[in-house]
């Protein structure tokens, strides 16, 4: 089984990018007016090629030509001759189930992608003795919600067979494949107390050296950050991917604060959603404008007003010592 250490730059120069942000070569330039120098042709952007492996062990594959997470999974699946639905999630630069290295909406140009695929299925019975189960949910952007964090001392933490990285496939035999993470979190919150329920979970396939920490602190420094710190490929649910500079330290810290708020209010963590909200808050002069902006692009989340106010304060007026 091959493991990858430090990797070189994955982008190749000299051909158009196929990730939705390139410039087609050979476009004729308009004739220059007499006496006016012809405009310089746009610089050809590189074609981005990323390297990938299956996390439990595989040869190294090369992928390109994707603009969102679903297309990324399809490309990985094609390389390894598996179905895209076999992929639970991807991590960057580590084959372990490390939620601090989870692939979100940005990929550094030097990042190596590890795909975690379906392993064993298991069922657990849970009795809800208090309102909070102690789960933080995220999803892979392609139909699978999975456990990103288990709170120490919680109901779920006492069930040793439930692990970070497990995909939640069904609640009481009701399949939730295709549901977003906030929908799954809401279903779990609404389950009645003192009434047992069943979770059907799918754990990622593991190699012998992949066992890591079972839980992590909710204040993980650097979570969601792109490893390279240079240019990144920004994947979007709608529209084409774009090449952008890596987020500034202020933007990273603001996104981390908003991600913490998402966990507190909704029981989910989503670094890409947090980054989107930071962008919206930076462009909003006040809470009311931010609320309208979030409703226009993220109305399905139905954020409470006090949550929106805290997001705006966290981004635009961080407390002393947080900057």
C-alpha atoms as a PDB file:
ATOM      1  CA  UNK A   1       0.000   0.000   0.000  1.00  0.00           C
ATOM      2  CA  UNK A   2       1.532   3.266  -1.062  1.00  0.00           C
ATOM      3  CA  UNK A   3       1.408   6.328   1.136  1.00  0.00           C
ATOM      4  CA  UNK A   4       2.184   9.798  -0.020  1.00  0.00           C
ATOM      5  CA  UNK A   5       4.397  12.271   1.780  1.00  0.00           C
ATOM      6  CA  UNK A   6       5.070  15.806   0.650  1.00  0.00           C
ATOM      7  CA  UNK A   7       3.845  16.480  -2.870  1.00  0.00           C
ATOM      8  CA  UNK A   8       4.961  18.890  -5.513  1.00  0.00           C
ATOM      9  CA  UNK A   9       2.802  21.399  -7.311  1.00  0.00           C
ATOM     10  CA  UNK A  10      -0.019  19.634  -9.161  1.00  0.00           C
ATOM     11  CA  UNK A  11      -0.859  22.214 -11.832  1.00  0.00           C
ATOM     12  CA  UNK A  12       0.633  21.845 -15.323  1.00  0.00           C
ATOM     13  CA  UNK A  13       1.294  24.987 -17.357  1.00  0.00           C
ATOM     14  CA  UNK A  14       0.633  25.551 -21.017  1.00  0.00           C
ATOM     15  CA  UNK A  15      -2.888  24.329 -21.707  1.00  0.00           C
ATOM     16  CA  UNK A  16      -6.381  25.663 -20.955  1.00  0.00           C
ATOM     17  CA  UNK A  17      -7.892  24.926 -17.579  1.00  0.00           C
ATOM     18  CA  UNK A  18     -10.716  22.412 -17.660  1.00  0.00           C
ATOM     19  CA  UNK A  19     -12.076  23.312 -14.227  1.00  0.00           C
ATOM     20  CA  UNK A  20     -14.364  25.999 -15.551  1.00  0.00           C
ATOM     21  CA  UNK A  21     -11.987  28.922 -15.209  1.00  0.00           C
ATOM     22  CA  UNK A  22      -9.784  28.643 -18.261  1.00  0.00           C
ATOM     23  CA  UNK A  23      -9.321  30.668 -21.416  1.00  0.00           C
ATOM     24  CA  UNK A  24      -9.767  28.887 -24.737  1.00  0.00           C
ATOM     25  CA  UNK A  25      -6.586  29.087 -26.799  1.00  0.00           C
ATOM     26  CA  UNK A  26      -6.481  30.342 -30.326  1.00  0.00           C
ATOM     27  CA  UNK A  27      -9.161  33.033 -29.963  1.00  0.00           C
ATOM     28  CA  UNK A  28      -8.431  35.646 -32.648  1.00  0.00           C
ATOM     29  CA  UNK A  29      -7.649  39.110 -31.361  1.00  0.00           C
ATOM     30  CA  UNK A  30      -9.659  42.066 -32.765  1.00  0.00           C
ATOM     31  CA  UNK A  31      -7.624  44.251 -35.125  1.00  0.00           C
ATOM     32  CA  UNK A  32      -5.963  47.182 -33.390  1.00  0.00           C
ATOM     33  CA  UNK A  33      -6.940  50.690 -34.425  1.00  0.00           C
ATOM     34  CA  UNK A  34      -4.216  52.560 -36.294  1.00  0.00           C
ATOM     35  CA  UNK A  35      -1.721  54.117 -33.922  1.00  0.00           C
ATOM     36  CA  UNK A  36      -3.073  52.232 -30.896  1.00  0.00           C
ATOM     37  CA  UNK A  37      -1.086  49.223 -29.689  1.00  0.00           C
ATOM     38  CA  UNK A  38      -2.959  45.931 -29.757  1.00  0.00           C
ATOM     39  CA  UNK A  39      -4.145  44.763 -26.308  1.00  0.00           C
ATOM     40  CA  UNK A  40      -2.068  42.052 -24.729  1.00  0.00           C
ATOM     41  CA  UNK A  41      -3.717  38.636 -25.029  1.00  0.00           C
ATOM     42  CA  UNK A  42      -4.934  37.178 -21.722  1.00  0.00           C
ATOM     43  CA  UNK A  43      -2.444  34.941 -20.001  1.00  0.00           C
ATOM     44  CA  UNK A  44      -3.312  31.292 -20.526  1.00  0.00           C
ATOM     45  CA  UNK A  45      -4.243  29.735 -17.214  1.00  0.00           C
ATOM     46  CA  UNK A  46      -2.862  26.331 -16.268  1.00  0.00           C
ATOM     47  CA  UNK A  47      -4.766  23.105 -16.614  1.00  0.00           C
ATOM     48  CA  UNK A  48      -5.209  21.793 -13.106  1.00  0.00           C
ATOM     49  CA  UNK A  49      -4.378  18.164 -12.468  1.00  0.00           C
ATOM     50  CA  UNK A  50      -4.742  16.749  -8.958  1.00  0.00           C
ATOM     51  CA  UNK A  51      -3.466  13.465  -7.593  1.00  0.00           C
ATOM     52  CA  UNK A  52      -5.693  11.116  -5.635  1.00  0.00           C
ATOM     53  CA  UNK A  53      -5.765   7.771  -3.841  1.00  0.00           C
ATOM     54  CA  UNK A  54      -8.372   5.692  -2.069  1.00  0.00           C
ATOM     55  CA  UNK A  55      -7.750   6.286   1.638  1.00  0.00           C
ATOM     56  CA  UNK A  56      -7.533   2.597   2.564  1.00  0.00           C
ATOM     57  CA  UNK A  57      -4.883   2.031  -0.119  1.00  0.00           C
ATOM     58  CA  UNK A  58      -4.679   2.149  -3.921  1.00  0.00           C
ATOM     59  CA  UNK A  59      -2.451   3.227  -6.791  1.00  0.00           C
ATOM     60  CA  UNK A  60      -2.243   6.977  -7.407  1.00  0.00           C
ATOM     61  CA  UNK A  61      -4.696   8.430  -9.910  1.00  0.00           C
ATOM     62  CA  UNK A  62      -4.886  11.791 -11.669  1.00  0.00           C
ATOM     63  CA  UNK A  63      -8.081  13.817 -12.011  1.00  0.00           C
ATOM     64  CA  UNK A  64      -9.025  17.071 -13.741  1.00  0.00           C
ATOM     65  CA  UNK A  65     -11.982  18.802 -15.320  1.00  0.00           C
ATOM     66  CA  UNK A  66     -14.350  19.148 -12.333  1.00  0.00           C
ATOM     67  CA  UNK A  67     -16.191  22.253 -11.123  1.00  0.00           C
ATOM     68  CA  UNK A  68     -18.051  21.017  -8.028  1.00  0.00           C
ATOM     69  CA  UNK A  69     -17.915  18.241  -5.446  1.00  0.00           C
ATOM     70  CA  UNK A  70     -20.239  15.866  -7.306  1.00  0.00           C
ATOM     71  CA  UNK A  71     -18.093  16.111 -10.430  1.00  0.00           C
ATOM     72  CA  UNK A  72     -14.973  15.622  -8.300  1.00  0.00           C
ATOM     73  CA  UNK A  73     -16.419  12.395  -6.865  1.00  0.00           C
ATOM     74  CA  UNK A  74     -17.388  11.241 -10.357  1.00  0.00           C
ATOM     75  CA  UNK A  75     -13.813  11.797 -11.582  1.00  0.00           C
ATOM     76  CA  UNK A  76     -12.329   9.883  -8.643  1.00  0.00           C
ATOM     77  CA  UNK A  77     -14.826   7.056  -9.143  1.00  0.00           C
ATOM     78  CA  UNK A  78     -13.941   6.843 -12.831  1.00  0.00           C
ATOM     79  CA  UNK A  79     -10.221   6.559 -12.065  1.00  0.00           C
ATOM     80  CA  UNK A  80     -10.733   3.685  -9.607  1.00  0.00           C
ATOM     81  CA  UNK A  81     -13.655   1.991 -11.446  1.00  0.00           C
ATOM     82  CA  UNK A  82     -16.117   2.385  -8.573  1.00  0.00           C
ATOM     83  CA  UNK A  83     -19.509   4.066  -8.262  1.00  0.00           C
ATOM     84  CA  UNK A  84     -19.515   7.712  -7.078  1.00  0.00           C
ATOM     85  CA  UNK A  85     -22.006   6.641  -4.403  1.00  0.00           C
ATOM     86  CA  UNK A  86     -19.251   4.547  -2.807  1.00  0.00           C
ATOM     87  CA  UNK A  87     -17.391   7.720  -1.764  1.00  0.00           C
ATOM     88  CA  UNK A  88     -18.395   9.011   1.681  1.00  0.00           C
ATOM     89  CA  UNK A  89     -16.042  12.008   1.880  1.00  0.00           C
ATOM     90  CA  UNK A  90     -12.516  13.139   1.017  1.00  0.00           C
ATOM     91  CA  UNK A  91      -9.625  14.406   3.114  1.00  0.00           C
ATOM     92  CA  UNK A  92      -6.673  16.494   1.989  1.00  0.00           C
ATOM     93  CA  UNK A  93      -3.072  15.361   2.471  1.00  0.00           C
ATOM     94  CA  UNK A  94      -3.903  12.552   4.906  1.00  0.00           C
ATOM     95  CA  UNK A  95      -5.459   9.122   4.450  1.00  0.00           C
ATOM     96  CA  UNK A  96      -6.761   9.099   8.035  1.00  0.00           C
ATOM     97  CA  UNK A  97     -10.311   9.990   9.116  1.00  0.00           C
ATOM     98  CA  UNK A  98      -9.193  13.450  10.209  1.00  0.00           C
ATOM     99  CA  UNK A  99     -12.023  15.975  10.318  1.00  0.00           C
ATOM    100  CA  UNK A 100      -9.528  18.847  10.444  1.00  0.00           C
ATOM    101  CA  UNK A 101      -8.404  17.894   6.925  1.00  0.00           C
ATOM    102  CA  UNK A 102     -11.866  17.415   5.445  1.00  0.00           C
ATOM    103  CA  UNK A 103     -12.296  18.558   1.850  1.00  0.00           C
ATOM    104  CA  UNK A 104     -14.745  21.453   1.728  1.00  0.00           C
ATOM    105  CA  UNK A 105     -15.266  24.039  -0.979  1.00  0.00           C
ATOM    106  CA  UNK A 106     -11.593  24.821  -1.587  1.00  0.00           C
ATOM    107  CA  UNK A 107      -8.639  22.728  -2.719  1.00  0.00           C
ATOM    108  CA  UNK A 108      -5.088  24.034  -2.620  1.00  0.00           C
ATOM    109  CA  UNK A 109      -3.195  23.542  -5.851  1.00  0.00           C
ATOM    110  CA  UNK A 110      -0.677  21.346  -4.023  1.00  0.00           C
ATOM    111  CA  UNK A 111      -3.245  19.277  -2.110  1.00  0.00           C
ATOM    112  CA  UNK A 112      -3.401  15.495  -2.493  1.00  0.00           C
ATOM    113  CA  UNK A 113      -6.948  14.094  -2.325  1.00  0.00           C
ATOM    114  CA  UNK A 114      -7.782  10.911  -0.408  1.00  0.00           C
ATOM    115  CA  UNK A 115     -11.236   9.385  -0.989  1.00  0.00           C
ATOM    116  CA  UNK A 116     -12.849   7.471   1.875  1.00  0.00           C
ATOM    117  CA  UNK A 117     -15.246   4.801   0.596  1.00  0.00           C
ATOM    118  CA  UNK A 118     -18.034   2.757   2.138  1.00  0.00           C
ATOM    119  CA  UNK A 119     -17.006   0.086   4.606  1.00  0.00           C
ATOM    120  CA  UNK A 120     -19.115  -1.974   7.001  1.00  0.00           C
ATOM    121  CA  UNK A 121     -22.723  -1.141   7.878  1.00  0.00           C
ATOM    122  CA  UNK A 122     -23.787  -1.207  11.526  1.00  0.00           C
ATOM    123  CA  UNK A 123     -26.944  -0.469  13.504  1.00  0.00           C
ATOM    124  CA  UNK A 124     -27.104   1.001  16.998  1.00  0.00           C
ATOM    125  CA  UNK A 125     -30.049   1.613  19.314  1.00  0.00           C
ATOM    126  CA  UNK A 126     -30.058   4.939  21.125  1.00  0.00           C
ATOM    127  CA  UNK A 127     -32.308   6.202  23.911  1.00  0.00           C
ATOM    128  CA  UNK A 128     -32.522   9.979  24.047  1.00  0.00           C
ATOM    129  CA  UNK A 129     -32.241  10.782  27.754  1.00  0.00           C
ATOM    130  CA  UNK A 130     -31.588  14.488  27.116  1.00  0.00           C
ATOM    131  CA  UNK A 131     -32.292  16.944  24.319  1.00  0.00           C
ATOM    132  CA  UNK A 132     -28.792  16.954  22.824  1.00  0.00           C
ATOM    133  CA  UNK A 133     -27.247  13.727  21.535  1.00  0.00           C
ATOM    134  CA  UNK A 134     -23.755  15.233  21.326  1.00  0.00           C
ATOM    135  CA  UNK A 135     -23.402  14.847  17.561  1.00  0.00           C
ATOM    136  CA  UNK A 136     -22.164  17.423  15.091  1.00  0.00           C
ATOM    137  CA  UNK A 137     -23.238  16.634  11.534  1.00  0.00           C
ATOM    138  CA  UNK A 138     -21.756  17.679   8.204  1.00  0.00           C
ATOM    139  CA  UNK A 139     -22.250  16.355   4.667  1.00  0.00           C
ATOM    140  CA  UNK A 140     -20.186  15.618   1.603  1.00  0.00           C
ATOM    141  CA  UNK A 141     -22.179  17.821  -0.780  1.00  0.00           C
ATOM    142  CA  UNK A 142     -23.230  14.733  -2.746  1.00  0.00           C
ATOM    143  CA  UNK A 143     -25.952  13.112  -0.654  1.00  0.00           C
ATOM    144  CA  UNK A 144     -24.256  11.688   2.460  1.00  0.00           C
ATOM    145  CA  UNK A 145     -24.460  13.242   5.924  1.00  0.00           C
ATOM    146  CA  UNK A 146     -21.872  12.006   8.395  1.00  0.00           C
ATOM    147  CA  UNK A 147     -20.622  12.552  11.930  1.00  0.00           C
ATOM    148  CA  UNK A 148     -17.971  15.238  12.196  1.00  0.00           C
ATOM    149  CA  UNK A 149     -17.691  15.448  15.971  1.00  0.00           C
ATOM    150  CA  UNK A 150     -18.851  13.584  19.072  1.00  0.00           C
ATOM    151  CA  UNK A 151     -19.013  15.626  22.263  1.00  0.00           C
ATOM    152  CA  UNK A 152     -17.233  14.141  25.241  1.00  0.00           C
ATOM    153  CA  UNK A 153     -19.589  12.926  27.952  1.00  0.00           C
ATOM    154  CA  UNK A 154     -22.609  12.954  25.612  1.00  0.00           C
ATOM    155  CA  UNK A 155     -25.182  10.229  24.941  1.00  0.00           C
ATOM    156  CA  UNK A 156     -23.463   9.205  21.689  1.00  0.00           C
ATOM    157  CA  UNK A 157     -20.015   9.295  23.256  1.00  0.00           C
ATOM    158  CA  UNK A 158     -21.098   6.478  25.555  1.00  0.00           C
ATOM    159  CA  UNK A 159     -21.863   4.237  22.546  1.00  0.00           C
ATOM    160  CA  UNK A 160     -18.413   3.020  21.546  1.00  0.00           C
ATOM    161  CA  UNK A 161     -19.481   1.638  18.153  1.00  0.00           C
ATOM    162  CA  UNK A 162     -20.409   5.133  16.882  1.00  0.00           C
ATOM    163  CA  UNK A 163     -17.378   6.932  15.447  1.00  0.00           C
ATOM    164  CA  UNK A 164     -16.409  10.198  13.813  1.00  0.00           C
ATOM    165  CA  UNK A 165     -16.604   9.701  10.045  1.00  0.00           C
ATOM    166  CA  UNK A 166     -19.589   7.334  10.163  1.00  0.00           C
ATOM    167  CA  UNK A 167     -22.209   8.175   7.549  1.00  0.00           C
ATOM    168  CA  UNK A 168     -25.808   8.222   8.820  1.00  0.00           C
ATOM    169  CA  UNK A 169     -27.749   6.153   6.308  1.00  0.00           C
ATOM    170  CA  UNK A 170     -31.091   5.782   8.109  1.00  0.00           C
ATOM    171  CA  UNK A 171     -32.982   6.817  11.244  1.00  0.00           C
ATOM    172  CA  UNK A 172     -35.531   4.205  12.361  1.00  0.00           C
ATOM    173  CA  UNK A 173     -35.307   2.537   8.915  1.00  0.00           C
ATOM    174  CA  UNK A 174     -36.159   5.873   7.248  1.00  0.00           C
ATOM    175  CA  UNK A 175     -33.382   6.502   4.737  1.00  0.00           C
ATOM    176  CA  UNK A 176     -31.794   9.933   4.860  1.00  0.00           C
ATOM    177  CA  UNK A 177     -29.482   9.509   1.872  1.00  0.00           C
ATOM    178  CA  UNK A 178     -29.831  12.689  -0.158  1.00  0.00           C
ATOM    179  CA  UNK A 179     -30.686  14.848   2.875  1.00  0.00           C
ATOM    180  CA  UNK A 180     -28.523  17.830   3.797  1.00  0.00           C
ATOM    181  CA  UNK A 181     -26.722  17.921   7.128  1.00  0.00           C
ATOM    182  CA  UNK A 182     -29.045  20.529   8.640  1.00  0.00           C
ATOM    183  CA  UNK A 183     -32.062  18.343   7.800  1.00  0.00           C
ATOM    184  CA  UNK A 184     -30.485  15.358   9.543  1.00  0.00           C
ATOM    185  CA  UNK A 185     -29.551  17.484  12.577  1.00  0.00           C
ATOM    186  CA  UNK A 186     -33.150  18.724  12.785  1.00  0.00           C
ATOM    187  CA  UNK A 187     -34.543  15.162  12.571  1.00  0.00           C
ATOM    188  CA  UNK A 188     -32.299  14.064  15.436  1.00  0.00           C
ATOM    189  CA  UNK A 189     -33.239  17.088  17.571  1.00  0.00           C
ATOM    190  CA  UNK A 190     -36.952  16.422  17.044  1.00  0.00           C
ATOM    191  CA  UNK A 191     -36.824  12.776  18.162  1.00  0.00           C
ATOM    192  CA  UNK A 192     -38.801  12.346  21.413  1.00  0.00           C
ATOM    193  CA  UNK A 193     -37.001  11.791  24.703  1.00  0.00           C
ATOM    194  CA  UNK A 194     -37.082   8.413  26.474  1.00  0.00           C
ATOM    195  CA  UNK A 195     -38.089   6.636  23.272  1.00  0.00           C
ATOM    196  CA  UNK A 196     -35.400   4.364  21.746  1.00  0.00           C
ATOM    197  CA  UNK A 197     -34.518   4.846  18.090  1.00  0.00           C
ATOM    198  CA  UNK A 198     -32.180   3.100  15.667  1.00  0.00           C
ATOM    199  CA  UNK A 199     -29.334   4.592  13.646  1.00  0.00           C
ATOM    200  CA  UNK A 200     -28.013   2.733  10.595  1.00  0.00           C
ATOM    201  CA  UNK A 201     -24.434   3.845  10.022  1.00  0.00           C
ATOM    202  CA  UNK A 202     -21.830   3.163   7.354  1.00  0.00           C
ATOM    203  CA  UNK A 203     -18.223   3.448   8.466  1.00  0.00           C
ATOM    204  CA  UNK A 204     -15.443   4.374   6.037  1.00  0.00           C
ATOM    205  CA  UNK A 205     -13.261   1.501   4.891  1.00  0.00           C
ATOM    206  CA  UNK A 206     -10.079   1.495   6.932  1.00  0.00           C
ATOM    207  CA  UNK A 207      -6.533   0.253   6.589  1.00  0.00           C
ATOM    208  CA  UNK A 208      -4.671  -1.019   9.650  1.00  0.00           C
ATOM    209  CA  UNK A 209      -2.978   2.342  10.349  1.00  0.00           C
ATOM    210  CA  UNK A 210      -6.028   4.600  10.045  1.00  0.00           C
ATOM    211  CA  UNK A 211      -7.355   4.476  13.581  1.00  0.00           C
ATOM    212  CA  UNK A 212      -7.243   8.002  15.016  1.00  0.00           C
ATOM    213  CA  UNK A 213      -8.826  10.067  17.743  1.00  0.00           C
ATOM    214  CA  UNK A 214     -12.477   9.336  18.353  1.00  0.00           C
ATOM    215  CA  UNK A 215     -13.409  12.890  19.363  1.00  0.00           C
ATOM    216  CA  UNK A 216     -11.947  16.331  18.858  1.00  0.00           C
ATOM    217  CA  UNK A 217     -12.331  19.633  20.594  1.00  0.00           C
ATOM    218  CA  UNK A 218     -14.834  22.050  19.062  1.00  0.00           C
ATOM    219  CA  UNK A 219     -12.068  24.677  19.034  1.00  0.00           C
ATOM    220  CA  UNK A 220      -9.726  22.961  16.604  1.00  0.00           C
ATOM    221  CA  UNK A 221      -7.297  25.624  15.353  1.00  0.00           C
ATOM    222  CA  UNK A 222      -6.854  25.597  11.610  1.00  0.00           C
ATOM    223  CA  UNK A 223      -9.888  23.458  10.856  1.00  0.00           C
ATOM    224  CA  UNK A 224     -11.046  23.937   7.286  1.00  0.00           C
ATOM    225  CA  UNK A 225      -7.890  25.726   6.221  1.00  0.00           C
ATOM    226  CA  UNK A 226      -6.345  24.924   2.883  1.00  0.00           C
ATOM    227  CA  UNK A 227      -2.955  23.343   3.372  1.00  0.00           C
ATOM    228  CA  UNK A 228      -1.008  25.132   0.667  1.00  0.00           C
ATOM    229  CA  UNK A 229      -1.810  28.714   1.717  1.00  0.00           C
ATOM    230  CA  UNK A 230      -1.425  29.771  -1.916  1.00  0.00           C
ATOM    231  CA  UNK A 231      -3.855  29.794  -4.804  1.00  0.00           C
ATOM    232  CA  UNK A 232      -6.859  27.545  -4.330  1.00  0.00           C
ATOM    233  CA  UNK A 233      -9.559  26.089  -6.526  1.00  0.00           C
ATOM    234  CA  UNK A 234     -12.912  27.266  -5.133  1.00  0.00           C
ATOM    235  CA  UNK A 235     -15.677  24.732  -5.799  1.00  0.00           C
ATOM    236  CA  UNK A 236     -19.234  26.040  -5.924  1.00  0.00           C
ATOM    237  CA  UNK A 237     -22.581  24.261  -5.717  1.00  0.00           C
ATOM    238  CA  UNK A 238     -23.815  26.454  -8.574  1.00  0.00           C
ATOM    239  CA  UNK A 239     -21.676  27.965 -11.290  1.00  0.00           C
ATOM    240  CA  UNK A 240     -18.105  27.324 -12.311  1.00  0.00           C
ATOM    241  CA  UNK A 241     -15.101  26.783 -10.103  1.00  0.00           C
ATOM    242  CA  UNK A 242     -12.712  29.717  -9.792  1.00  0.00           C
ATOM    243  CA  UNK A 243      -9.043  30.149  -8.974  1.00  0.00           C
ATOM    244  CA  UNK A 244      -8.637  32.410  -5.959  1.00  0.00           C
ATOM    245  CA  UNK A 245      -5.960  33.469  -3.548  1.00  0.00           C
ATOM    246  CA  UNK A 246      -6.094  31.560  -0.284  1.00  0.00           C
ATOM    247  CA  UNK A 247      -8.208  33.162   2.459  1.00  0.00           C
ATOM    248  CA  UNK A 248      -6.550  35.821   4.590  1.00  0.00           C
ATOM    249  CA  UNK A 249      -5.887  35.101   8.282  1.00  0.00           C
ATOM    250  CA  UNK A 250      -8.815  37.402   9.150  1.00  0.00           C
ATOM    251  CA  UNK A 251     -11.160  35.503   6.809  1.00  0.00           C
ATOM    252  CA  UNK A 252      -9.988  32.152   8.180  1.00  0.00           C
ATOM    253  CA  UNK A 253     -10.585  33.260  11.762  1.00  0.00           C
ATOM    254  CA  UNK A 254     -13.973  34.802  10.925  1.00  0.00           C
ATOM    255  CA  UNK A 255     -15.053  31.590   9.155  1.00  0.00           C
ATOM    256  CA  UNK A 256     -13.960  29.543  12.180  1.00  0.00           C
ATOM    257  CA  UNK A 257     -16.070  31.747  14.488  1.00  0.00           C
ATOM    258  CA  UNK A 258     -19.103  31.406  12.204  1.00  0.00           C
ATOM    259  CA  UNK A 259     -18.561  27.632  11.999  1.00  0.00           C
ATOM    260  CA  UNK A 260     -18.606  27.534  15.815  1.00  0.00           C
ATOM    261  CA  UNK A 261     -21.906  29.446  15.750  1.00  0.00           C
ATOM    262  CA  UNK A 262     -23.357  26.965  13.251  1.00  0.00           C
ATOM    263  CA  UNK A 263     -22.477  24.146  15.617  1.00  0.00           C
ATOM    264  CA  UNK A 264     -23.971  25.948  18.627  1.00  0.00           C
ATOM    265  CA  UNK A 265     -27.250  26.880  16.933  1.00  0.00           C
ATOM    266  CA  UNK A 266     -27.811  24.062  14.435  1.00  0.00           C
ATOM    267  CA  UNK A 267     -25.619  21.117  15.382  1.00  0.00           C
ATOM    268  CA  UNK A 268     -23.723  21.229  12.091  1.00  0.00           C
ATOM    269  CA  UNK A 269     -20.259  22.259  10.953  1.00  0.00           C
ATOM    270  CA  UNK A 270     -19.722  23.388   7.375  1.00  0.00           C
ATOM    271  CA  UNK A 271     -16.596  25.386   6.551  1.00  0.00           C
ATOM    272  CA  UNK A 272     -17.825  26.275   3.058  1.00  0.00           C
ATOM    273  CA  UNK A 273     -21.160  27.544   4.387  1.00  0.00           C
ATOM    274  CA  UNK A 274     -19.272  29.539   7.024  1.00  0.00           C
ATOM    275  CA  UNK A 275     -17.041  31.109   4.340  1.00  0.00           C
ATOM    276  CA  UNK A 276     -20.107  32.032   2.269  1.00  0.00           C
ATOM    277  CA  UNK A 277     -21.660  33.723   5.299  1.00  0.00           C
ATOM    278  CA  UNK A 278     -18.438  35.629   6.005  1.00  0.00           C
ATOM    279  CA  UNK A 279     -18.470  36.979   2.438  1.00  0.00           C
ATOM    280  CA  UNK A 280     -22.108  38.039   2.829  1.00  0.00           C
ATOM    281  CA  UNK A 281     -21.457  39.719   6.188  1.00  0.00           C
ATOM    282  CA  UNK A 282     -18.490  41.690   4.826  1.00  0.00           C
ATOM    283  CA  UNK A 283     -20.779  43.174   2.160  1.00  0.00           C
ATOM    284  CA  UNK A 284     -23.627  43.983   4.580  1.00  0.00           C
ATOM    285  CA  UNK A 285     -23.743  47.312   6.451  1.00  0.00           C
ATOM    286  CA  UNK A 286     -25.983  45.865   9.154  1.00  0.00           C
ATOM    287  CA  UNK A 287     -27.835  42.857  10.516  1.00  0.00           C
ATOM    288  CA  UNK A 288     -31.048  43.510   8.559  1.00  0.00           C
ATOM    289  CA  UNK A 289     -29.159  43.635   5.249  1.00  0.00           C
ATOM    290  CA  UNK A 290     -27.264  40.455   6.125  1.00  0.00           C
ATOM    291  CA  UNK A 291     -30.531  38.676   6.982  1.00  0.00           C
ATOM    292  CA  UNK A 292     -31.999  39.624   3.594  1.00  0.00           C
ATOM    293  CA  UNK A 293     -28.820  38.565   1.807  1.00  0.00           C
ATOM    294  CA  UNK A 294     -28.722  35.177   3.548  1.00  0.00           C
ATOM    295  CA  UNK A 295     -32.410  34.599   2.821  1.00  0.00           C
ATOM    296  CA  UNK A 296     -31.828  35.253  -0.875  1.00  0.00           C
ATOM    297  CA  UNK A 297     -29.079  32.640  -1.207  1.00  0.00           C
ATOM    298  CA  UNK A 298     -29.553  30.353   1.826  1.00  0.00           C
ATOM    299  CA  UNK A 299     -33.250  30.642   2.593  1.00  0.00           C
ATOM    300  CA  UNK A 300     -33.620  26.898   3.059  1.00  0.00           C
ATOM    301  CA  UNK A 301     -31.680  27.125   6.325  1.00  0.00           C
ATOM    302  CA  UNK A 302     -34.200  29.499   7.998  1.00  0.00           C
ATOM    303  CA  UNK A 303     -31.568  31.047  10.294  1.00  0.00           C
ATOM    304  CA  UNK A 304     -32.994  32.587  13.501  1.00  0.00           C
ATOM    305  CA  UNK A 305     -32.588  36.350  13.844  1.00  0.00           C
ATOM    306  CA  UNK A 306     -30.332  36.126  16.903  1.00  0.00           C
ATOM    307  CA  UNK A 307     -28.011  33.778  14.986  1.00  0.00           C
ATOM    308  CA  UNK A 308     -27.747  36.250  12.078  1.00  0.00           C
ATOM    309  CA  UNK A 309     -26.933  39.029  14.549  1.00  0.00           C
ATOM    310  CA  UNK A 310     -24.151  36.974  16.095  1.00  0.00           C
ATOM    311  CA  UNK A 311     -22.725  36.142  12.653  1.00  0.00           C
ATOM    312  CA  UNK A 312     -22.631  39.816  11.699  1.00  0.00           C
ATOM    313  CA  UNK A 313     -20.977  40.725  15.007  1.00  0.00           C
ATOM    314  CA  UNK A 314     -18.449  37.883  14.716  1.00  0.00           C
ATOM    315  CA  UNK A 315     -17.368  39.032  11.248  1.00  0.00           C
ATOM    316  CA  UNK A 316     -17.724  42.813  11.412  1.00  0.00           C
ATOM    317  CA  UNK A 317     -17.125  43.514  15.096  1.00  0.00           C
ATOM    318  CA  UNK A 318     -15.036  40.684  16.540  1.00  0.00           C
ATOM    319  CA  UNK A 319     -14.449  40.901  20.276  1.00  0.00           C
ATOM    320  CA  UNK A 320     -11.129  42.192  21.509  1.00  0.00           C
ATOM    321  CA  UNK A 321      -8.503  39.464  21.285  1.00  0.00           C
ATOM    322  CA  UNK A 322     -10.271  37.568  18.496  1.00  0.00           C
ATOM    323  CA  UNK A 323      -8.707  39.415  15.598  1.00  0.00           C
END
